[in-house]
Amino acid sequence: MAVTIDDLNLFHQFAAARLDAAGAESLEQLLLLWRQECNRSDDLEAVRRGVADAEAGRVLPVSQAFAEVRQSLQEGR
């Protein structure tokens, strides 16, 4: 994925806030913290999408989902 100017601006804001709070000792640590923050945001968004799907009725009982996966794996052999 290509880096955009928006990505750079978001990282700059994040890094400035961390440095103001004395929350990083190196650029490598800032990058690690940024990646952790991005992963956390992605995870939260995935959970929100899952909750929205459940609330909208776009779910299957786990037994049915597993049966469909087993069937597709058997067909793929």
PDB file of N, CA and C in Angstrom:
ATOM      1  N   MET A   1       0.840  -1.171   0.000  1.00  0.00           N
ATOM      2  CA  MET A   1       0.000   0.000   0.000  1.00  0.00           C
ATOM      3  C   MET A   1       0.889   1.238   0.000  1.00  0.00           C
ATOM      4  N   ALA A   2       0.588   2.144  -0.866  1.00  0.00           N
ATOM      5  CA  ALA A   2       1.373   3.371  -0.978  1.00  0.00           C
ATOM      6  C   ALA A   2       1.043   4.319   0.177  1.00  0.00           C
ATOM      7  N   VAL A   3       2.056   4.995   0.629  1.00  0.00           N
ATOM      8  CA  VAL A   3       1.888   5.981   1.692  1.00  0.00           C
ATOM      9  C   VAL A   3       1.354   7.271   1.077  1.00  0.00           C
ATOM     10  N   THR A   4       0.362   7.848   1.732  1.00  0.00           N
ATOM     11  CA  THR A   4      -0.212   9.099   1.243  1.00  0.00           C
ATOM     12  C   THR A   4       0.227  10.249   2.143  1.00  0.00           C
ATOM     13  N   ILE A   5       0.008  11.451   1.681  1.00  0.00           N
ATOM     14  CA  ILE A   5       0.317  12.626   2.503  1.00  0.00           C
ATOM     15  C   ILE A   5      -0.537  12.625   3.762  1.00  0.00           C
ATOM     16  N   ASP A   6      -1.763  12.112   3.655  1.00  0.00           N
ATOM     17  CA  ASP A   6      -2.618  12.011   4.848  1.00  0.00           C
ATOM     18  C   ASP A   6      -2.005  11.056   5.874  1.00  0.00           C
ATOM     19  N   ASP A   7      -1.453   9.927   5.401  1.00  0.00           N
ATOM     20  CA  ASP A   7      -0.786   8.985   6.305  1.00  0.00           C
ATOM     21  C   ASP A   7       0.370   9.673   7.025  1.00  0.00           C
ATOM     22  N   LEU A   8       1.155  10.408   6.270  1.00  0.00           N
ATOM     23  CA  LEU A   8       2.302  11.097   6.843  1.00  0.00           C
ATOM     24  C   LEU A   8       1.851  12.139   7.869  1.00  0.00           C
ATOM     25  N   ASN A   9       0.799  12.880   7.548  1.00  0.00           N
ATOM     26  CA  ASN A   9       0.291  13.886   8.478  1.00  0.00           C
ATOM     27  C   ASN A   9      -0.234  13.243   9.758  1.00  0.00           C
ATOM     28  N   LEU A  10      -0.936  12.115   9.632  1.00  0.00           N
ATOM     29  CA  LEU A  10      -1.434  11.412  10.816  1.00  0.00           C
ATOM     30  C   LEU A  10      -0.281  10.905  11.682  1.00  0.00           C
ATOM     31  N   PHE A  11       0.749  10.363  11.029  1.00  0.00           N
ATOM     32  CA  PHE A  11       1.911   9.902  11.793  1.00  0.00           C
ATOM     33  C   PHE A  11       2.596  11.077  12.484  1.00  0.00           C
ATOM     34  N   HIS A  12       2.720  12.180  11.803  1.00  0.00           N
ATOM     35  CA  HIS A  12       3.350  13.369  12.387  1.00  0.00           C
ATOM     36  C   HIS A  12       2.584  13.819  13.629  1.00  0.00           C
ATOM     37  N   GLN A  13       1.274  13.876  13.534  1.00  0.00           N
ATOM     38  CA  GLN A  13       0.455  14.265  14.692  1.00  0.00           C
ATOM     39  C   GLN A  13       0.636  13.280  15.845  1.00  0.00           C
ATOM     40  N   PHE A  14       0.626  11.990  15.517  1.00  0.00           N
ATOM     41  CA  PHE A  14       0.824  10.954  16.527  1.00  0.00           C
ATOM     42  C   PHE A  14       2.187  11.099  17.191  1.00  0.00           C
ATOM     43  N   ALA A  15       3.230  11.250  16.370  1.00  0.00           N
ATOM     44  CA  ALA A  15       4.591  11.355  16.896  1.00  0.00           C
ATOM     45  C   ALA A  15       4.745  12.604  17.763  1.00  0.00           C
ATOM     46  N   ALA A  16       4.198  13.719  17.326  1.00  0.00           N
ATOM     47  CA  ALA A  16       4.299  14.964  18.103  1.00  0.00           C
ATOM     48  C   ALA A  16       3.620  14.805  19.446  1.00  0.00           C
ATOM     49  N   ALA A  17       2.455  14.176  19.464  1.00  0.00           N
ATOM     50  CA  ALA A  17       1.742  13.972  20.732  1.00  0.00           C
ATOM     51  C   ALA A  17       2.534  13.058  21.660  1.00  0.00           C
ATOM     52  N   ARG A  18       3.111  12.009  21.111  1.00  0.00           N
ATOM     53  CA  ARG A  18       3.918  11.087  21.927  1.00  0.00           C
ATOM     54  C   ARG A  18       5.162  11.782  22.476  1.00  0.00           C
ATOM     55  N   LEU A  19       5.795  12.583  21.656  1.00  0.00           N
ATOM     56  CA  LEU A  19       7.002  13.278  22.116  1.00  0.00           C
ATOM     57  C   LEU A  19       6.660  14.307  23.187  1.00  0.00           C
ATOM     58  N   ASP A  20       5.522  14.987  23.030  1.00  0.00           N
ATOM     59  CA  ASP A  20       5.086  15.946  24.049  1.00  0.00           C
ATOM     60  C   ASP A  20       4.833  15.263  25.381  1.00  0.00           C
ATOM     61  N   ALA A  21       4.360  14.028  25.318  1.00  0.00           N
ATOM     62  CA  ALA A  21       4.061  13.273  26.535  1.00  0.00           C
ATOM     63  C   ALA A  21       5.253  12.423  26.985  1.00  0.00           C
ATOM     64  N   ALA A  22       6.412  12.633  26.359  1.00  0.00           N
ATOM     65  CA  ALA A  22       7.622  11.853  26.663  1.00  0.00           C
ATOM     66  C   ALA A  22       7.339  10.359  26.549  1.00  0.00           C
ATOM     67  N   GLY A  23       6.618   9.979  25.465  1.00  0.00           N
ATOM     68  CA  GLY A  23       6.208   8.598  25.320  1.00  0.00           C
ATOM     69  C   GLY A  23       7.039   7.773  24.364  1.00  0.00           C
ATOM     70  N   ALA A  24       8.188   8.259  23.909  1.00  0.00           N
ATOM     71  CA  ALA A  24       9.027   7.471  23.010  1.00  0.00           C
ATOM     72  C   ALA A  24      10.481   7.884  23.178  1.00  0.00           C
ATOM     73  N   GLU A  25      11.365   6.914  23.020  1.00  0.00           N
ATOM     74  CA  GLU A  25      12.789   7.186  23.181  1.00  0.00           C
ATOM     75  C   GLU A  25      13.542   7.201  21.860  1.00  0.00           C
ATOM     76  N   SER A  26      12.897   6.708  20.782  1.00  0.00           N
ATOM     77  CA  SER A  26      13.579   6.662  19.492  1.00  0.00           C
ATOM     78  C   SER A  26      12.553   6.678  18.364  1.00  0.00           C
ATOM     79  N   LEU A  27      13.035   6.910  17.150  1.00  0.00           N
ATOM     80  CA  LEU A  27      12.156   6.842  15.989  1.00  0.00           C
ATOM     81  C   LEU A  27      11.612   5.429  15.801  1.00  0.00           C
ATOM     82  N   GLU A  28      12.447   4.432  16.064  1.00  0.00           N
ATOM     83  CA  GLU A  28      12.007   3.046  15.943  1.00  0.00           C
ATOM     84  C   GLU A  28      10.869   2.759  16.914  1.00  0.00           C
ATOM     85  N   GLN A  29      10.987   3.279  18.134  1.00  0.00           N
ATOM     86  CA  GLN A  29       9.927   3.068  19.113  1.00  0.00           C
ATOM     87  C   GLN A  29       8.647   3.800  18.691  1.00  0.00           C
ATOM     88  N   LEU A  30       8.791   5.008  18.149  1.00  0.00           N
ATOM     89  CA  LEU A  30       7.622   5.738  17.652  1.00  0.00           C
ATOM     90  C   LEU A  30       6.916   4.940  16.560  1.00  0.00           C
ATOM     91  N   LEU A  31       7.687   4.363  15.647  1.00  0.00           N
ATOM     92  CA  LEU A  31       7.104   3.578  14.565  1.00  0.00           C
ATOM     93  C   LEU A  31       6.389   2.346  15.112  1.00  0.00           C
ATOM     94  N   LEU A  32       6.998   1.671  16.073  1.00  0.00           N
ATOM     95  CA  LEU A  32       6.370   0.505  16.685  1.00  0.00           C
ATOM     96  C   LEU A  32       5.056   0.897  17.360  1.00  0.00           C
ATOM     97  N   LEU A  33       5.073   1.995  18.114  1.00  0.00           N
ATOM     98  CA  LEU A  33       3.855   2.464  18.776  1.00  0.00           C
ATOM     99  C   LEU A  33       2.779   2.830  17.757  1.00  0.00           C
ATOM    100  N   TRP A  34       3.182   3.466  16.657  1.00  0.00           N
ATOM    101  CA  TRP A  34       2.248   3.843  15.594  1.00  0.00           C
ATOM    102  C   TRP A  34       1.604   2.601  14.976  1.00  0.00           C
ATOM    103  N   ARG A  35       2.423   1.591  14.698  1.00  0.00           N
ATOM    104  CA  ARG A  35       1.891   0.355  14.116  1.00  0.00           C
ATOM    105  C   ARG A  35       0.910  -0.316  15.071  1.00  0.00           C
ATOM    106  N   GLN A  36       1.239  -0.322  16.357  1.00  0.00           N
ATOM    107  CA  GLN A  36       0.331  -0.899  17.346  1.00  0.00           C
ATOM    108  C   GLN A  36      -0.986  -0.139  17.369  1.00  0.00           C
ATOM    109  N   GLU A  37      -0.907   1.165  17.315  1.00  0.00           N
ATOM    110  CA  GLU A  37      -2.104   2.009  17.312  1.00  0.00           C
ATOM    111  C   GLU A  37      -2.949   1.733  16.067  1.00  0.00           C
ATOM    112  N   CYS A  38      -2.320   1.624  14.913  1.00  0.00           N
ATOM    113  CA  CYS A  38      -3.044   1.350  13.667  1.00  0.00           C
ATOM    114  C   CYS A  38      -3.706  -0.017  13.720  1.00  0.00           C
ATOM    115  N   ASN A  39      -2.991  -1.016  14.230  1.00  0.00           N
ATOM    116  CA  ASN A  39      -3.556  -2.364  14.338  1.00  0.00           C
ATOM    117  C   ASN A  39      -4.758  -2.356  15.269  1.00  0.00           C
ATOM    118  N   ARG A  40      -4.652  -1.650  16.366  1.00  0.00           N
ATOM    119  CA  ARG A  40      -5.753  -1.559  17.326  1.00  0.00           C
ATOM    120  C   ARG A  40      -6.963  -0.912  16.658  1.00  0.00           C
ATOM    121  N   SER A  41      -6.731   0.134  15.888  1.00  0.00           N
ATOM    122  CA  SER A  41      -7.829   0.807  15.181  1.00  0.00           C
ATOM    123  C   SER A  41      -8.479  -0.128  14.173  1.00  0.00           C
ATOM    124  N   ASP A  42      -7.660  -0.889  13.439  1.00  0.00           N
ATOM    125  CA  ASP A  42      -8.192  -1.851  12.470  1.00  0.00           C
ATOM    126  C   ASP A  42      -9.018  -2.924  13.173  1.00  0.00           C
ATOM    127  N   ASP A  43      -8.524  -3.407  14.310  1.00  0.00           N
ATOM    128  CA  ASP A  43      -9.242  -4.430  15.074  1.00  0.00           C
ATOM    129  C   ASP A  43     -10.584  -3.904  15.566  1.00  0.00           C
ATOM    130  N   LEU A  44     -10.591  -2.685  16.090  1.00  0.00           N
ATOM    131  CA  LEU A  44     -11.834  -2.096  16.575  1.00  0.00           C
ATOM    132  C   LEU A  44     -12.843  -1.921  15.442  1.00  0.00           C
ATOM    133  N   GLU A  45     -12.367  -1.510  14.284  1.00  0.00           N
ATOM    134  CA  GLU A  45     -13.263  -1.346  13.133  1.00  0.00           C
ATOM    135  C   GLU A  45     -13.847  -2.690  12.719  1.00  0.00           C
ATOM    136  N   ALA A  46     -13.053  -3.749  12.748  1.00  0.00           N
ATOM    137  CA  ALA A  46     -13.549  -5.082  12.403  1.00  0.00           C
ATOM    138  C   ALA A  46     -14.614  -5.538  13.390  1.00  0.00           C
ATOM    139  N   VAL A  47     -14.410  -5.259  14.663  1.00  0.00           N
ATOM    140  CA  VAL A  47     -15.411  -5.611  15.675  1.00  0.00           C
ATOM    141  C   VAL A  47     -16.695  -4.819  15.437  1.00  0.00           C
ATOM    142  N   ARG A  48     -16.563  -3.534  15.133  1.00  0.00           N
ATOM    143  CA  ARG A  48     -17.749  -2.714  14.852  1.00  0.00           C
ATOM    144  C   ARG A  48     -18.529  -3.255  13.652  1.00  0.00           C
ATOM    145  N   ARG A  49     -17.811  -3.665  12.610  1.00  0.00           N
ATOM    146  CA  ARG A  49     -18.490  -4.239  11.437  1.00  0.00           C
ATOM    147  C   ARG A  49     -19.209  -5.532  11.815  1.00  0.00           C
ATOM    148  N   GLY A  50     -18.576  -6.345  12.650  1.00  0.00           N
ATOM    149  CA  GLY A  50     -19.197  -7.596  13.085  1.00  0.00           C
ATOM    150  C   GLY A  50     -20.450  -7.356  13.906  1.00  0.00           C
ATOM    151  N   VAL A  51     -20.403  -6.391  14.785  1.00  0.00           N
ATOM    152  CA  VAL A  51     -21.579  -6.048  15.595  1.00  0.00           C
ATOM    153  C   VAL A  51     -22.700  -5.543  14.687  1.00  0.00           C
ATOM    154  N   ALA A  52     -22.348  -4.693  13.735  1.00  0.00           N
ATOM    155  CA  ALA A  52     -23.358  -4.179  12.799  1.00  0.00           C
ATOM    156  C   ALA A  52     -23.982  -5.321  12.000  1.00  0.00           C
ATOM    157  N   ASP A  53     -23.165  -6.275  11.552  1.00  0.00           N
ATOM    158  CA  ASP A  53     -23.690  -7.435  10.832  1.00  0.00           C
ATOM    159  C   ASP A  53     -24.650  -8.226  11.713  1.00  0.00           C
ATOM    160  N   ALA A  54     -24.268  -8.454  12.954  1.00  0.00           N
ATOM    161  CA  ALA A  54     -25.133  -9.211  13.871  1.00  0.00           C
ATOM    162  C   ALA A  54     -26.444  -8.470  14.113  1.00  0.00           C
ATOM    163  N   GLU A  55     -26.370  -7.164  14.328  1.00  0.00           N
ATOM    164  CA  GLU A  55     -27.577  -6.383  14.575  1.00  0.00           C
ATOM    165  C   GLU A  55     -28.494  -6.355  13.351  1.00  0.00           C
ATOM    166  N   ALA A  56     -27.906  -6.448  12.163  1.00  0.00           N
ATOM    167  CA  ALA A  56     -28.685  -6.439  10.932  1.00  0.00           C
ATOM    168  C   ALA A  56     -29.156  -7.840  10.532  1.00  0.00           C
ATOM    169  N   GLY A  57     -28.799  -8.844  11.334  1.00  0.00           N
ATOM    170  CA  GLY A  57     -29.226 -10.210  11.046  1.00  0.00           C
ATOM    171  C   GLY A  57     -28.381 -10.925  10.017  1.00  0.00           C
ATOM    172  N   ARG A  58     -27.220 -10.398   9.700  1.00  0.00           N
ATOM    173  CA  ARG A  58     -26.331 -11.031   8.712  1.00  0.00           C
ATOM    174  C   ARG A  58     -25.374 -11.992   9.419  1.00  0.00           C
ATOM    175  N   VAL A  59     -25.956 -13.005  10.069  1.00  0.00           N
ATOM    176  CA  VAL A  59     -25.160 -13.980  10.815  1.00  0.00           C
ATOM    177  C   VAL A  59     -25.687 -15.379  10.541  1.00  0.00           C
ATOM    178  N   LEU A  60     -24.866 -16.373  10.831  1.00  0.00           N
ATOM    179  CA  LEU A  60     -25.252 -17.776  10.736  1.00  0.00           C
ATOM    180  C   LEU A  60     -24.958 -18.435  12.071  1.00  0.00           C
ATOM    181  N   PRO A  61     -25.744 -19.437  12.429  1.00  0.00           N
ATOM    182  CA  PRO A  61     -25.363 -20.231  13.599  1.00  0.00           C
ATOM    183  C   PRO A  61     -23.996 -20.875  13.335  1.00  0.00           C
ATOM    184  N   VAL A  62     -23.178 -20.985  14.350  1.00  0.00           N
ATOM    185  CA  VAL A  62     -21.825 -21.513  14.159  1.00  0.00           C
ATOM    186  C   VAL A  62     -21.856 -22.915  13.569  1.00  0.00           C
ATOM    187  N   SER A  63     -22.836 -23.734  13.941  1.00  0.00           N
ATOM    188  CA  SER A  63     -22.917 -25.093  13.386  1.00  0.00           C
ATOM    189  C   SER A  63     -23.126 -25.049  11.872  1.00  0.00           C
ATOM    190  N   GLN A  64     -23.939 -24.120  11.392  1.00  0.00           N
ATOM    191  CA  GLN A  64     -24.168 -23.984   9.956  1.00  0.00           C
ATOM    192  C   GLN A  64     -22.918 -23.451   9.254  1.00  0.00           C
ATOM    193  N   ALA A  65     -22.265 -22.475   9.848  1.00  0.00           N
ATOM    194  CA  ALA A  65     -21.045 -21.913   9.256  1.00  0.00           C
ATOM    195  C   ALA A  65     -19.970 -22.991   9.142  1.00  0.00           C
ATOM    196  N   PHE A  66     -19.783 -23.777  10.205  1.00  0.00           N
ATOM    197  CA  PHE A  66     -18.785 -24.849  10.166  1.00  0.00           C
ATOM    198  C   PHE A  66     -19.143 -25.901   9.118  1.00  0.00           C
ATOM    199  N   ALA A  67     -20.433 -26.235   9.012  1.00  0.00           N
ATOM    200  CA  ALA A  67     -20.859 -27.224   8.021  1.00  0.00           C
ATOM    201  C   ALA A  67     -20.556 -26.726   6.611  1.00  0.00           C
ATOM    202  N   GLU A  68     -20.801 -25.440   6.364  1.00  0.00           N
ATOM    203  CA  GLU A  68     -20.513 -24.880   5.048  1.00  0.00           C
ATOM    204  C   GLU A  68     -19.017 -24.882   4.743  1.00  0.00           C
ATOM    205  N   VAL A  69     -18.202 -24.584   5.741  1.00  0.00           N
ATOM    206  CA  VAL A  69     -16.748 -24.604   5.545  1.00  0.00           C
ATOM    207  C   VAL A  69     -16.278 -26.023   5.266  1.00  0.00           C
ATOM    208  N   ARG A  70     -16.786 -26.996   6.055  1.00  0.00           N
ATOM    209  CA  ARG A  70     -16.412 -28.396   5.823  1.00  0.00           C
ATOM    210  C   ARG A  70     -16.789 -28.833   4.409  1.00  0.00           C
ATOM    211  N   GLN A  71     -17.993 -28.452   3.983  1.00  0.00           N
ATOM    212  CA  GLN A  71     -18.462 -28.816   2.648  1.00  0.00           C
ATOM    213  C   GLN A  71     -17.562 -28.213   1.574  1.00  0.00           C
ATOM    214  N   SER A  72     -17.213 -26.953   1.712  1.00  0.00           N
ATOM    215  CA  SER A  72     -16.373 -26.302   0.695  1.00  0.00           C
ATOM    216  C   SER A  72     -14.976 -26.915   0.673  1.00  0.00           C
ATOM    217  N   LEU A  73     -14.462 -27.317   1.816  1.00  0.00           N
ATOM    218  CA  LEU A  73     -13.150 -27.969   1.854  1.00  0.00           C
ATOM    219  C   LEU A  73     -13.191 -29.339   1.189  1.00  0.00           C
ATOM    220  N   GLN A  74     -14.262 -30.046   1.397  1.00  0.00           N
ATOM    221  CA  GLN A  74     -14.410 -31.370   0.773  1.00  0.00           C
ATOM    222  C   GLN A  74     -14.546 -31.244  -0.739  1.00  0.00           C
ATOM    223  N   GLU A  75     -15.240 -30.225  -1.197  1.00  0.00           N
ATOM    224  CA  GLU A  75     -15.417 -30.011  -2.633  1.00  0.00           C
ATOM    225  C   GLU A  75     -14.117 -29.576  -3.296  1.00  0.00           C
ATOM    226  N   GLY A  76     -13.240 -28.952  -2.525  1.00  0.00           N
ATOM    227  CA  GLY A  76     -11.985 -28.449  -3.070  1.00  0.00           C
ATOM    228  C   GLY A  76     -10.916 -29.508  -3.248  1.00  0.00           C
ATOM    229  N   ARG A  77     -11.155 -30.694  -2.784  1.00  0.00           N
ATOM    230  CA  ARG A  77     -10.142 -31.743  -2.873  1.00  0.00           C
ATOM    231  C   ARG A  77     -10.025 -32.301  -4.237  1.00  0.00           C
TER     232      ARG A  77
END
